[in-house]
């Protein structure tokens, strides 16, 4: 985690760079074995960044909302969509929420 934070700090220390690192982390481009581990690293990065940069409450809320948007949407498809593997279960969207909000 410290190397990720150092990268963010070395690239001008802006919120955009931290968001970029979070996207890489949650997108599976950085090695974490479980979702729980990803969350611990992501929240640790945000907390450390917030303390060191003395972020305002609004900026911190923006980062938490951004992190939430990196999770799968979870919306259920209509009944016409049938799962190949589990026809008795509804089909759930696995795309990141951030992509849905920007379409």
PDB file of N, CA and C in Angstrom:
ATOM      1  N   UNK A   1       0.817  -1.187   0.000  1.00  0.00           N
ATOM      2  CA  UNK A   1       0.000   0.000   0.000  1.00  0.00           C
ATOM      3  C   UNK A   1       0.860   1.249   0.000  1.00  0.00           C
ATOM      4  N   UNK A   2       1.954   1.239   0.726  1.00  0.00           N
ATOM      5  CA  UNK A   2       2.770   2.449   0.803  1.00  0.00           C
ATOM      6  C   UNK A   2       3.348   2.826  -0.556  1.00  0.00           C
ATOM      7  N   UNK A   3       3.697   1.823  -1.373  1.00  0.00           N
ATOM      8  CA  UNK A   3       4.227   2.147  -2.697  1.00  0.00           C
ATOM      9  C   UNK A   3       3.151   2.768  -3.571  1.00  0.00           C
ATOM     10  N   UNK A   4       1.913   2.311  -3.429  1.00  0.00           N
ATOM     11  CA  UNK A   4       0.811   2.914  -4.184  1.00  0.00           C
ATOM     12  C   UNK A   4       0.603   4.355  -3.752  1.00  0.00           C
ATOM     13  N   UNK A   5       0.643   4.574  -2.434  1.00  0.00           N
ATOM     14  CA  UNK A   5       0.454   5.923  -1.922  1.00  0.00           C
ATOM     15  C   UNK A   5       1.585   6.836  -2.372  1.00  0.00           C
ATOM     16  N   UNK A   6       2.797   6.327  -2.366  1.00  0.00           N
ATOM     17  CA  UNK A   6       3.944   7.133  -2.799  1.00  0.00           C
ATOM     18  C   UNK A   6       3.797   7.507  -4.265  1.00  0.00           C
ATOM     19  N   UNK A   7       3.274   6.581  -5.082  1.00  0.00           N
ATOM     20  CA  UNK A   7       3.048   6.893  -6.495  1.00  0.00           C
ATOM     21  C   UNK A   7       2.050   8.038  -6.622  1.00  0.00           C
ATOM     22  N   UNK A   8       0.978   7.973  -5.855  1.00  0.00           N
ATOM     23  CA  UNK A   8      -0.033   9.032  -5.901  1.00  0.00           C
ATOM     24  C   UNK A   8       0.573  10.356  -5.456  1.00  0.00           C
ATOM     25  N   UNK A   9       1.345  10.336  -4.390  1.00  0.00           N
ATOM     26  CA  UNK A   9       1.964  11.560  -3.896  1.00  0.00           C
ATOM     27  C   UNK A   9       2.983  12.137  -4.856  1.00  0.00           C
ATOM     28  N   UNK A  10       3.642  11.284  -5.604  1.00  0.00           N
ATOM     29  CA  UNK A  10       4.680  11.739  -6.529  1.00  0.00           C
ATOM     30  C   UNK A  10       4.107  12.311  -7.813  1.00  0.00           C
ATOM     31  N   UNK A  11       2.841  12.057  -8.068  1.00  0.00           N
ATOM     32  CA  UNK A  11       2.238  12.530  -9.319  1.00  0.00           C
ATOM     33  C   UNK A  11       1.342  13.721  -9.064  1.00  0.00           C
ATOM     34  N   UNK A  12       1.805  14.674  -8.349  1.00  0.00           N
ATOM     35  CA  UNK A  12       1.190  15.958  -8.010  1.00  0.00           C
ATOM     36  C   UNK A  12       0.217  15.897  -6.857  1.00  0.00           C
ATOM     37  N   UNK A  13      -0.122  14.721  -6.350  1.00  0.00           N
ATOM     38  CA  UNK A  13      -0.937  14.629  -5.149  1.00  0.00           C
ATOM     39  C   UNK A  13      -2.384  15.032  -5.295  1.00  0.00           C
ATOM     40  N   UNK A  14      -2.912  15.045  -6.502  1.00  0.00           N
ATOM     41  CA  UNK A  14      -4.295  15.437  -6.697  1.00  0.00           C
ATOM     42  C   UNK A  14      -5.271  14.291  -6.538  1.00  0.00           C
ATOM     43  N   UNK A  15      -6.545  14.631  -6.417  1.00  0.00           N
ATOM     44  CA  UNK A  15      -7.590  13.619  -6.294  1.00  0.00           C
ATOM     45  C   UNK A  15      -7.672  12.743  -7.532  1.00  0.00           C
ATOM     46  N   UNK A  16      -7.394  13.311  -8.686  1.00  0.00           N
ATOM     47  CA  UNK A  16      -7.451  12.545  -9.933  1.00  0.00           C
ATOM     48  C   UNK A  16      -6.489  11.377  -9.944  1.00  0.00           C
ATOM     49  N   UNK A  17      -5.300  11.587  -9.412  1.00  0.00           N
ATOM     50  CA  UNK A  17      -4.303  10.523  -9.373  1.00  0.00           C
ATOM     51  C   UNK A  17      -4.709   9.421  -8.403  1.00  0.00           C
ATOM     52  N   UNK A  18      -5.286   9.808  -7.268  1.00  0.00           N
ATOM     53  CA  UNK A  18      -5.761   8.804  -6.317  1.00  0.00           C
ATOM     54  C   UNK A  18      -6.896   7.998  -6.935  1.00  0.00           C
ATOM     55  N   UNK A  19      -7.803   8.660  -7.627  1.00  0.00           N
ATOM     56  CA  UNK A  19      -8.898   7.953  -8.296  1.00  0.00           C
ATOM     57  C   UNK A  19      -8.357   6.981  -9.330  1.00  0.00           C
ATOM     58  N   UNK A  20      -7.318   7.371 -10.031  1.00  0.00           N
ATOM     59  CA  UNK A  20      -6.697   6.492 -11.017  1.00  0.00           C
ATOM     60  C   UNK A  20      -6.141   5.234 -10.360  1.00  0.00           C
ATOM     61  N   UNK A  21      -5.478   5.395  -9.226  1.00  0.00           N
ATOM     62  CA  UNK A  21      -4.931   4.241  -8.510  1.00  0.00           C
ATOM     63  C   UNK A  21      -6.047   3.344  -7.982  1.00  0.00           C
ATOM     64  N   UNK A  22      -7.152   3.931  -7.517  1.00  0.00           N
ATOM     65  CA  UNK A  22      -8.278   3.139  -7.046  1.00  0.00           C
ATOM     66  C   UNK A  22      -8.898   2.338  -8.183  1.00  0.00           C
ATOM     67  N   UNK A  23      -8.991   2.946  -9.359  1.00  0.00           N
ATOM     68  CA  UNK A  23      -9.530   2.239 -10.513  1.00  0.00           C
ATOM     69  C   UNK A  23      -8.640   1.064 -10.894  1.00  0.00           C
ATOM     70  N   UNK A  24      -7.333   1.269 -10.880  1.00  0.00           N
ATOM     71  CA  UNK A  24      -6.415   0.166 -11.165  1.00  0.00           C
ATOM     72  C   UNK A  24      -6.553  -0.944 -10.136  1.00  0.00           C
ATOM     73  N   UNK A  25      -6.674  -0.573  -8.879  1.00  0.00           N
ATOM     74  CA  UNK A  25      -6.813  -1.555  -7.803  1.00  0.00           C
ATOM     75  C   UNK A  25      -8.101  -2.352  -7.943  1.00  0.00           C
ATOM     76  N   UNK A  26      -9.223  -1.677  -8.075  1.00  0.00           N
ATOM     77  CA  UNK A  26     -10.505  -2.353  -8.111  1.00  0.00           C
ATOM     78  C   UNK A  26     -10.753  -3.042  -9.450  1.00  0.00           C
ATOM     79  N   UNK A  27     -10.052  -2.624 -10.485  1.00  0.00           N
ATOM     80  CA  UNK A  27     -10.181  -3.255 -11.793  1.00  0.00           C
ATOM     81  C   UNK A  27      -9.348  -4.514 -11.942  1.00  0.00           C
ATOM     82  N   UNK A  28      -8.622  -4.878 -10.905  1.00  0.00           N
ATOM     83  CA  UNK A  28      -7.840  -6.106 -10.921  1.00  0.00           C
ATOM     84  C   UNK A  28      -6.461  -5.970 -11.535  1.00  0.00           C
ATOM     85  N   UNK A  29      -6.032  -4.744 -11.814  1.00  0.00           N
ATOM     86  CA  UNK A  29      -4.711  -4.537 -12.412  1.00  0.00           C
ATOM     87  C   UNK A  29      -3.595  -4.553 -11.376  1.00  0.00           C
ATOM     88  N   UNK A  30      -3.950  -4.428 -10.114  1.00  0.00           N
ATOM     89  CA  UNK A  30      -2.989  -4.530  -9.028  1.00  0.00           C
ATOM     90  C   UNK A  30      -3.344  -5.767  -8.219  1.00  0.00           C
ATOM     91  N   UNK A  31      -2.355  -6.528  -7.814  1.00  0.00           N
ATOM     92  CA  UNK A  31      -2.560  -7.842  -7.211  1.00  0.00           C
ATOM     93  C   UNK A  31      -3.165  -7.779  -5.809  1.00  0.00           C
ATOM     94  N   UNK A  32      -4.383  -8.304  -5.677  1.00  0.00           N
ATOM     95  CA  UNK A  32      -5.045  -8.553  -4.397  1.00  0.00           C
ATOM     96  C   UNK A  32      -5.777  -9.878  -4.551  1.00  0.00           C
ATOM     97  N   UNK A  33      -5.734 -10.703  -3.520  1.00  0.00           N
ATOM     98  CA  UNK A  33      -6.320 -12.028  -3.619  1.00  0.00           C
ATOM     99  C   UNK A  33      -7.830 -12.049  -3.425  1.00  0.00           C
ATOM    100  N   UNK A  34      -8.368 -11.141  -2.613  1.00  0.00           N
ATOM    101  CA  UNK A  34      -9.801 -11.144  -2.324  1.00  0.00           C
ATOM    102  C   UNK A  34     -10.369  -9.737  -2.436  1.00  0.00           C
ATOM    103  N   UNK A  35     -11.690  -9.648  -2.513  1.00  0.00           N
ATOM    104  CA  UNK A  35     -12.358  -8.352  -2.538  1.00  0.00           C
ATOM    105  C   UNK A  35     -12.139  -7.641  -1.206  1.00  0.00           C
ATOM    106  N   UNK A  36     -12.148  -8.407  -0.119  1.00  0.00           N
ATOM    107  CA  UNK A  36     -11.902  -7.832   1.200  1.00  0.00           C
ATOM    108  C   UNK A  36     -10.525  -7.169   1.247  1.00  0.00           C
ATOM    109  N   UNK A  37      -9.549  -7.823   0.674  1.00  0.00           N
ATOM    110  CA  UNK A  37      -8.195  -7.257   0.628  1.00  0.00           C
ATOM    111  C   UNK A  37      -8.174  -5.990  -0.221  1.00  0.00           C
ATOM    112  N   UNK A  38      -8.885  -5.995  -1.348  1.00  0.00           N
ATOM    113  CA  UNK A  38      -8.969  -4.802  -2.190  1.00  0.00           C
ATOM    114  C   UNK A  38      -9.577  -3.642  -1.409  1.00  0.00           C
ATOM    115  N   UNK A  39     -10.646  -3.927  -0.666  1.00  0.00           N
ATOM    116  CA  UNK A  39     -11.313  -2.881   0.102  1.00  0.00           C
ATOM    117  C   UNK A  39     -10.401  -2.322   1.190  1.00  0.00           C
ATOM    118  N   UNK A  40      -9.669  -3.199   1.863  1.00  0.00           N
ATOM    119  CA  UNK A  40      -8.765  -2.732   2.914  1.00  0.00           C
ATOM    120  C   UNK A  40      -7.686  -1.826   2.337  1.00  0.00           C
ATOM    121  N   UNK A  41      -7.139  -2.212   1.203  1.00  0.00           N
ATOM    122  CA  UNK A  41      -6.104  -1.391   0.567  1.00  0.00           C
ATOM    123  C   UNK A  41      -6.696  -0.067   0.102  1.00  0.00           C
ATOM    124  N   UNK A  42      -7.869  -0.115  -0.539  1.00  0.00           N
ATOM    125  CA  UNK A  42      -8.498   1.106  -1.052  1.00  0.00           C
ATOM    126  C   UNK A  42      -8.846   2.069   0.081  1.00  0.00           C
ATOM    127  N   UNK A  43      -9.468   1.572   1.127  1.00  0.00           N
ATOM    128  CA  UNK A  43      -9.830   2.447   2.246  1.00  0.00           C
ATOM    129  C   UNK A  43      -8.591   2.964   2.965  1.00  0.00           C
ATOM    130  N   UNK A  44      -7.551   2.151   3.044  1.00  0.00           N
ATOM    131  CA  UNK A  44      -6.299   2.606   3.634  1.00  0.00           C
ATOM    132  C   UNK A  44      -5.674   3.730   2.828  1.00  0.00           C
ATOM    133  N   UNK A  45      -5.701   3.599   1.507  1.00  0.00           N
ATOM    134  CA  UNK A  45      -5.166   4.652   0.643  1.00  0.00           C
ATOM    135  C   UNK A  45      -5.946   5.950   0.824  1.00  0.00           C
ATOM    136  N   UNK A  46      -7.287   5.838   0.849  1.00  0.00           N
ATOM    137  CA  UNK A  46      -8.120   7.028   1.008  1.00  0.00           C
ATOM    138  C   UNK A  46      -7.866   7.677   2.363  1.00  0.00           C
ATOM    139  N   UNK A  47      -7.819   6.870   3.422  1.00  0.00           N
ATOM    140  CA  UNK A  47      -7.612   7.417   4.764  1.00  0.00           C
ATOM    141  C   UNK A  47      -6.259   8.116   4.871  1.00  0.00           C
ATOM    142  N   UNK A  48      -5.240   7.480   4.371  1.00  0.00           N
ATOM    143  CA  UNK A  48      -3.897   8.069   4.450  1.00  0.00           C
ATOM    144  C   UNK A  48      -3.818   9.354   3.629  1.00  0.00           C
ATOM    145  N   UNK A  49      -4.408   9.321   2.443  1.00  0.00           N
ATOM    146  CA  UNK A  49      -4.433  10.492   1.583  1.00  0.00           C
ATOM    147  C   UNK A  49      -5.206  11.630   2.259  1.00  0.00           C
ATOM    148  N   UNK A  50      -6.345  11.302   2.880  1.00  0.00           N
ATOM    149  CA  UNK A  50      -7.179  12.314   3.530  1.00  0.00           C
ATOM    150  C   UNK A  50      -6.457  12.983   4.689  1.00  0.00           C
ATOM    151  N   UNK A  51      -5.757  12.203   5.481  1.00  0.00           N
ATOM    152  CA  UNK A  51      -5.047  12.756   6.639  1.00  0.00           C
ATOM    153  C   UNK A  51      -3.868  13.610   6.184  1.00  0.00           C
ATOM    154  N   UNK A  52      -3.097  13.098   5.254  1.00  0.00           N
ATOM    155  CA  UNK A  52      -1.901  13.837   4.824  1.00  0.00           C
ATOM    156  C   UNK A  52      -2.235  15.112   4.067  1.00  0.00           C
ATOM    157  N   UNK A  53      -3.313  15.082   3.293  1.00  0.00           N
ATOM    158  CA  UNK A  53      -3.683  16.252   2.477  1.00  0.00           C
ATOM    159  C   UNK A  53      -4.709  17.142   3.158  1.00  0.00           C
ATOM    160  N   UNK A  54      -5.142  16.748   4.366  1.00  0.00           N
ATOM    161  CA  UNK A  54      -6.162  17.497   5.099  1.00  0.00           C
ATOM    162  C   UNK A  54      -7.358  17.797   4.205  1.00  0.00           C
ATOM    163  N   UNK A  55      -7.935  16.741   3.655  1.00  0.00           N
ATOM    164  CA  UNK A  55      -9.073  16.885   2.751  1.00  0.00           C
ATOM    165  C   UNK A  55     -10.294  17.421   3.490  1.00  0.00           C
ATOM    166  N   UNK A  56     -11.089  18.159   2.752  1.00  0.00           N
ATOM    167  CA  UNK A  56     -12.358  18.622   3.319  1.00  0.00           C
ATOM    168  C   UNK A  56     -13.343  17.460   3.335  1.00  0.00           C
ATOM    169  N   UNK A  57     -14.410  17.633   4.061  1.00  0.00           N
ATOM    170  CA  UNK A  57     -15.442  16.588   4.140  1.00  0.00           C
ATOM    171  C   UNK A  57     -16.019  16.289   2.754  1.00  0.00           C
ATOM    172  N   UNK A  58     -16.221  17.327   1.949  1.00  0.00           N
ATOM    173  CA  UNK A  58     -16.767  17.143   0.600  1.00  0.00           C
ATOM    174  C   UNK A  58     -15.827  16.319  -0.276  1.00  0.00           C
ATOM    175  N   UNK A  59     -14.535  16.598  -0.191  1.00  0.00           N
ATOM    176  CA  UNK A  59     -13.564  15.840  -0.983  1.00  0.00           C
ATOM    177  C   UNK A  59     -13.506  14.387  -0.534  1.00  0.00           C
ATOM    178  N   UNK A  60     -13.596  14.157   0.756  1.00  0.00           N
ATOM    179  CA  UNK A  60     -13.580  12.798   1.276  1.00  0.00           C
ATOM    180  C   UNK A  60     -14.831  12.040   0.835  1.00  0.00           C
ATOM    181  N   UNK A  61     -15.977  12.683   0.889  1.00  0.00           N
ATOM    182  CA  UNK A  61     -17.217  12.051   0.423  1.00  0.00           C
ATOM    183  C   UNK A  61     -17.140  11.742  -1.070  1.00  0.00           C
ATOM    184  N   UNK A  62     -16.504  12.623  -1.831  1.00  0.00           N
ATOM    185  CA  UNK A  62     -16.322  12.388  -3.264  1.00  0.00           C
ATOM    186  C   UNK A  62     -15.499  11.123  -3.503  1.00  0.00           C
ATOM    187  N   UNK A  63     -14.442  10.935  -2.725  1.00  0.00           N
ATOM    188  CA  UNK A  63     -13.604   9.744  -2.865  1.00  0.00           C
ATOM    189  C   UNK A  63     -14.366   8.473  -2.491  1.00  0.00           C
ATOM    190  N   UNK A  64     -15.157   8.517  -1.427  1.00  0.00           N
ATOM    191  CA  UNK A  64     -15.931   7.348  -1.019  1.00  0.00           C
ATOM    192  C   UNK A  64     -16.986   7.014  -2.072  1.00  0.00           C
ATOM    193  N   UNK A  65     -17.650   8.016  -2.617  1.00  0.00           N
ATOM    194  CA  UNK A  65     -18.633   7.783  -3.695  1.00  0.00           C
ATOM    195  C   UNK A  65     -17.946   7.179  -4.913  1.00  0.00           C
ATOM    196  N   UNK A  66     -16.766   7.664  -5.225  1.00  0.00           N
ATOM    197  CA  UNK A  66     -16.028   7.120  -6.360  1.00  0.00           C
ATOM    198  C   UNK A  66     -15.688   5.652  -6.127  1.00  0.00           C
ATOM    199  N   UNK A  67     -15.237   5.317  -4.931  1.00  0.00           N
ATOM    200  CA  UNK A  67     -14.913   3.930  -4.615  1.00  0.00           C
ATOM    201  C   UNK A  67     -16.154   3.043  -4.751  1.00  0.00           C
ATOM    202  N   UNK A  68     -17.284   3.517  -4.269  1.00  0.00           N
ATOM    203  CA  UNK A  68     -18.535   2.755  -4.397  1.00  0.00           C
ATOM    204  C   UNK A  68     -18.901   2.533  -5.859  1.00  0.00           C
ATOM    205  N   UNK A  69     -18.597   3.508  -6.709  1.00  0.00           N
ATOM    206  CA  UNK A  69     -18.951   3.384  -8.124  1.00  0.00           C
ATOM    207  C   UNK A  69     -18.094   2.356  -8.859  1.00  0.00           C
ATOM    208  N   UNK A  70     -17.019   1.891  -8.235  1.00  0.00           N
ATOM    209  CA  UNK A  70     -16.156   0.899  -8.864  1.00  0.00           C
ATOM    210  C   UNK A  70     -16.646  -0.532  -8.644  1.00  0.00           C
ATOM    211  N   UNK A  71     -17.712  -0.691  -7.865  1.00  0.00           N
ATOM    212  CA  UNK A  71     -18.278  -2.015  -7.626  1.00  0.00           C
ATOM    213  C   UNK A  71     -19.302  -2.350  -8.702  1.00  0.00           C
ATOM    214  N   UNK A  72     -19.593  -3.653  -8.875  1.00  0.00           N
ATOM    215  CA  UNK A  72     -20.587  -4.039  -9.884  1.00  0.00           C
ATOM    216  C   UNK A  72     -21.943  -3.400  -9.618  1.00  0.00           C
ATOM    217  N   UNK A  73     -22.653  -3.136 -10.693  1.00  0.00           N
ATOM    218  CA  UNK A  73     -23.956  -2.485 -10.632  1.00  0.00           C
ATOM    219  C   UNK A  73     -24.944  -3.309  -9.813  1.00  0.00           C
ATOM    220  N   UNK A  74     -25.092  -4.590 -10.145  1.00  0.00           N
ATOM    221  CA  UNK A  74     -25.989  -5.462  -9.401  1.00  0.00           C
ATOM    222  C   UNK A  74     -27.437  -5.396  -9.814  1.00  0.00           C
ATOM    223  N   UNK A  75     -27.762  -4.600 -10.832  1.00  0.00           N
ATOM    224  CA  UNK A  75     -29.156  -4.504 -11.281  1.00  0.00           C
ATOM    225  C   UNK A  75     -29.580  -5.804 -11.954  1.00  0.00           C
ATOM    226  N   UNK A  76     -30.829  -6.179 -11.743  1.00  0.00           N
ATOM    227  CA  UNK A  76     -31.370  -7.396 -12.364  1.00  0.00           C
ATOM    228  C   UNK A  76     -31.893  -7.073 -13.757  1.00  0.00           C
ATOM    229  N   UNK A  77     -31.591  -7.961 -14.698  1.00  0.00           N
ATOM    230  CA  UNK A  77     -32.091  -7.812 -16.059  1.00  0.00           C
ATOM    231  C   UNK A  77     -33.570  -8.184 -16.100  1.00  0.00           C
ATOM    232  N   UNK A  78     -34.240  -7.828 -17.176  1.00  0.00           N
ATOM    233  CA  UNK A  78     -35.661  -8.173 -17.318  1.00  0.00           C
ATOM    234  C   UNK A  78     -35.832  -9.688 -17.396  1.00  0.00           C
ATOM    235  N   UNK A  79     -37.052 -10.158 -17.233  1.00  0.00           N
ATOM    236  CA  UNK A  79     -37.341 -11.604 -17.233  1.00  0.00           C
ATOM    237  C   UNK A  79     -37.055 -12.265 -18.581  1.00  0.00           C
ATOM    238  N   UNK A  80     -36.992 -11.475 -19.647  1.00  0.00           N
ATOM    239  CA  UNK A  80     -36.700 -12.035 -20.971  1.00  0.00           C
ATOM    240  C   UNK A  80     -35.258 -12.527 -21.084  1.00  0.00           C
ATOM    241  N   UNK A  81     -34.371 -11.991 -20.246  1.00  0.00           N
ATOM    242  CA  UNK A  81     -32.964 -12.398 -20.254  1.00  0.00           C
ATOM    243  C   UNK A  81     -32.821 -13.615 -19.350  1.00  0.00           C
ATOM    244  N   UNK A  82     -32.292 -14.712 -19.920  1.00  0.00           N
ATOM    245  CA  UNK A  82     -32.173 -15.959 -19.175  1.00  0.00           C
ATOM    246  C   UNK A  82     -30.706 -16.351 -19.083  1.00  0.00           C
ATOM    247  N   UNK A  83     -30.294 -16.746 -17.893  1.00  0.00           N
ATOM    248  CA  UNK A  83     -28.928 -17.191 -17.678  1.00  0.00           C
ATOM    249  C   UNK A  83     -28.721 -18.564 -18.301  1.00  0.00           C
ATOM    250  N   UNK A  84     -27.605 -18.756 -18.969  1.00  0.00           N
ATOM    251  CA  UNK A  84     -27.282 -20.044 -19.578  1.00  0.00           C
ATOM    252  C   UNK A  84     -27.017 -21.098 -18.513  1.00  0.00           C
ATOM    253  N   UNK A  85     -26.307 -20.726 -17.468  1.00  0.00           N
ATOM    254  CA  UNK A  85     -25.906 -21.684 -16.439  1.00  0.00           C
ATOM    255  C   UNK A  85     -26.980 -21.911 -15.373  1.00  0.00           C
ATOM    256  N   UNK A  86     -27.738 -20.879 -15.055  1.00  0.00           N
ATOM    257  CA  UNK A  86     -28.747 -20.974 -14.001  1.00  0.00           C
ATOM    258  C   UNK A  86     -30.044 -20.338 -14.486  1.00  0.00           C
ATOM    259  N   UNK A  87     -30.824 -21.068 -15.295  1.00  0.00           N
ATOM    260  CA  UNK A  87     -32.037 -20.466 -15.869  1.00  0.00           C
ATOM    261  C   UNK A  87     -33.085 -20.066 -14.829  1.00  0.00           C
ATOM    262  N   UNK A  88     -33.012 -20.603 -13.622  1.00  0.00           N
ATOM    263  CA  UNK A  88     -33.984 -20.251 -12.584  1.00  0.00           C
ATOM    264  C   UNK A  88     -33.564 -19.035 -11.752  1.00  0.00           C
ATOM    265  N   UNK A  89     -32.367 -18.503 -11.990  1.00  0.00           N
ATOM    266  CA  UNK A  89     -31.885 -17.323 -11.272  1.00  0.00           C
ATOM    267  C   UNK A  89     -31.938 -16.097 -12.186  1.00  0.00           C
ATOM    268  N   UNK A  90     -32.221 -14.928 -11.623  1.00  0.00           N
ATOM    269  CA  UNK A  90     -32.200 -13.712 -12.455  1.00  0.00           C
ATOM    270  C   UNK A  90     -30.773 -13.370 -12.886  1.00  0.00           C
ATOM    271  N   UNK A  91     -30.650 -12.727 -14.020  1.00  0.00           N
ATOM    272  CA  UNK A  91     -29.351 -12.297 -14.521  1.00  0.00           C
ATOM    273  C   UNK A  91     -29.030 -10.943 -13.883  1.00  0.00           C
ATOM    274  N   UNK A  92     -27.843 -10.853 -13.292  1.00  0.00           N
ATOM    275  CA  UNK A  92     -27.431  -9.643 -12.578  1.00  0.00           C
ATOM    276  C   UNK A  92     -26.281  -8.987 -13.327  1.00  0.00           C
ATOM    277  N   UNK A  93     -26.335  -7.664 -13.413  1.00  0.00           N
ATOM    278  CA  UNK A  93     -25.295  -6.897 -14.104  1.00  0.00           C
ATOM    279  C   UNK A  93     -24.006  -6.907 -13.287  1.00  0.00           C
ATOM    280  N   UNK A  94     -22.898  -7.196 -13.936  1.00  0.00           N
ATOM    281  CA  UNK A  94     -21.608  -7.209 -13.268  1.00  0.00           C
ATOM    282  C   UNK A  94     -20.721  -6.054 -13.668  1.00  0.00           C
ATOM    283  N   UNK A  95     -21.234  -5.135 -14.489  1.00  0.00           N
ATOM    284  CA  UNK A  95     -20.443  -4.001 -14.939  1.00  0.00           C
ATOM    285  C   UNK A  95     -20.318  -2.972 -13.816  1.00  0.00           C
ATOM    286  N   UNK A  96     -19.177  -2.284 -13.757  1.00  0.00           N
ATOM    287  CA  UNK A  96     -18.962  -1.268 -12.723  1.00  0.00           C
ATOM    288  C   UNK A  96     -20.018  -0.169 -12.843  1.00  0.00           C
ATOM    289  N   UNK A  97     -20.481   0.308 -11.703  1.00  0.00           N
ATOM    290  CA  UNK A  97     -21.486   1.374 -11.676  1.00  0.00           C
ATOM    291  C   UNK A  97     -21.008   2.633 -12.381  1.00  0.00           C
ATOM    292  N   UNK A  98     -19.726   2.882 -12.330  1.00  0.00           N
ATOM    293  CA  UNK A  98     -19.194   4.109 -12.926  1.00  0.00           C
ATOM    294  C   UNK A  98     -19.486   4.165 -14.437  1.00  0.00           C
ATOM    295  N   UNK A  99     -19.481   3.013 -15.080  1.00  0.00           N
ATOM    296  CA  UNK A  99     -19.759   2.992 -16.515  1.00  0.00           C
ATOM    297  C   UNK A  99     -21.221   3.258 -16.789  1.00  0.00           C
ATOM    298  N   UNK A 100     -22.111   2.807 -15.925  1.00  0.00           N
ATOM    299  CA  UNK A 100     -23.536   3.062 -16.091  1.00  0.00           C
ATOM    300  C   UNK A 100     -23.859   4.541 -15.911  1.00  0.00           C
ATOM    301  N   UNK A 101     -23.212   5.177 -14.963  1.00  0.00           N
ATOM    302  CA  UNK A 101     -23.511   6.577 -14.694  1.00  0.00           C
ATOM    303  C   UNK A 101     -22.991   7.499 -15.798  1.00  0.00           C
ATOM    304  N   UNK A 102     -22.034   7.025 -16.576  1.00  0.00           N
ATOM    305  CA  UNK A 102     -21.454   7.858 -17.626  1.00  0.00           C
ATOM    306  C   UNK A 102     -21.997   7.545 -19.002  1.00  0.00           C
ATOM    307  N   UNK A 103     -22.937   6.617 -19.115  1.00  0.00           N
ATOM    308  CA  UNK A 103     -23.498   6.275 -20.432  1.00  0.00           C
ATOM    309  C   UNK A 103     -24.580   7.243 -20.819  1.00  0.00           C
TER     310      UNK A 103
END
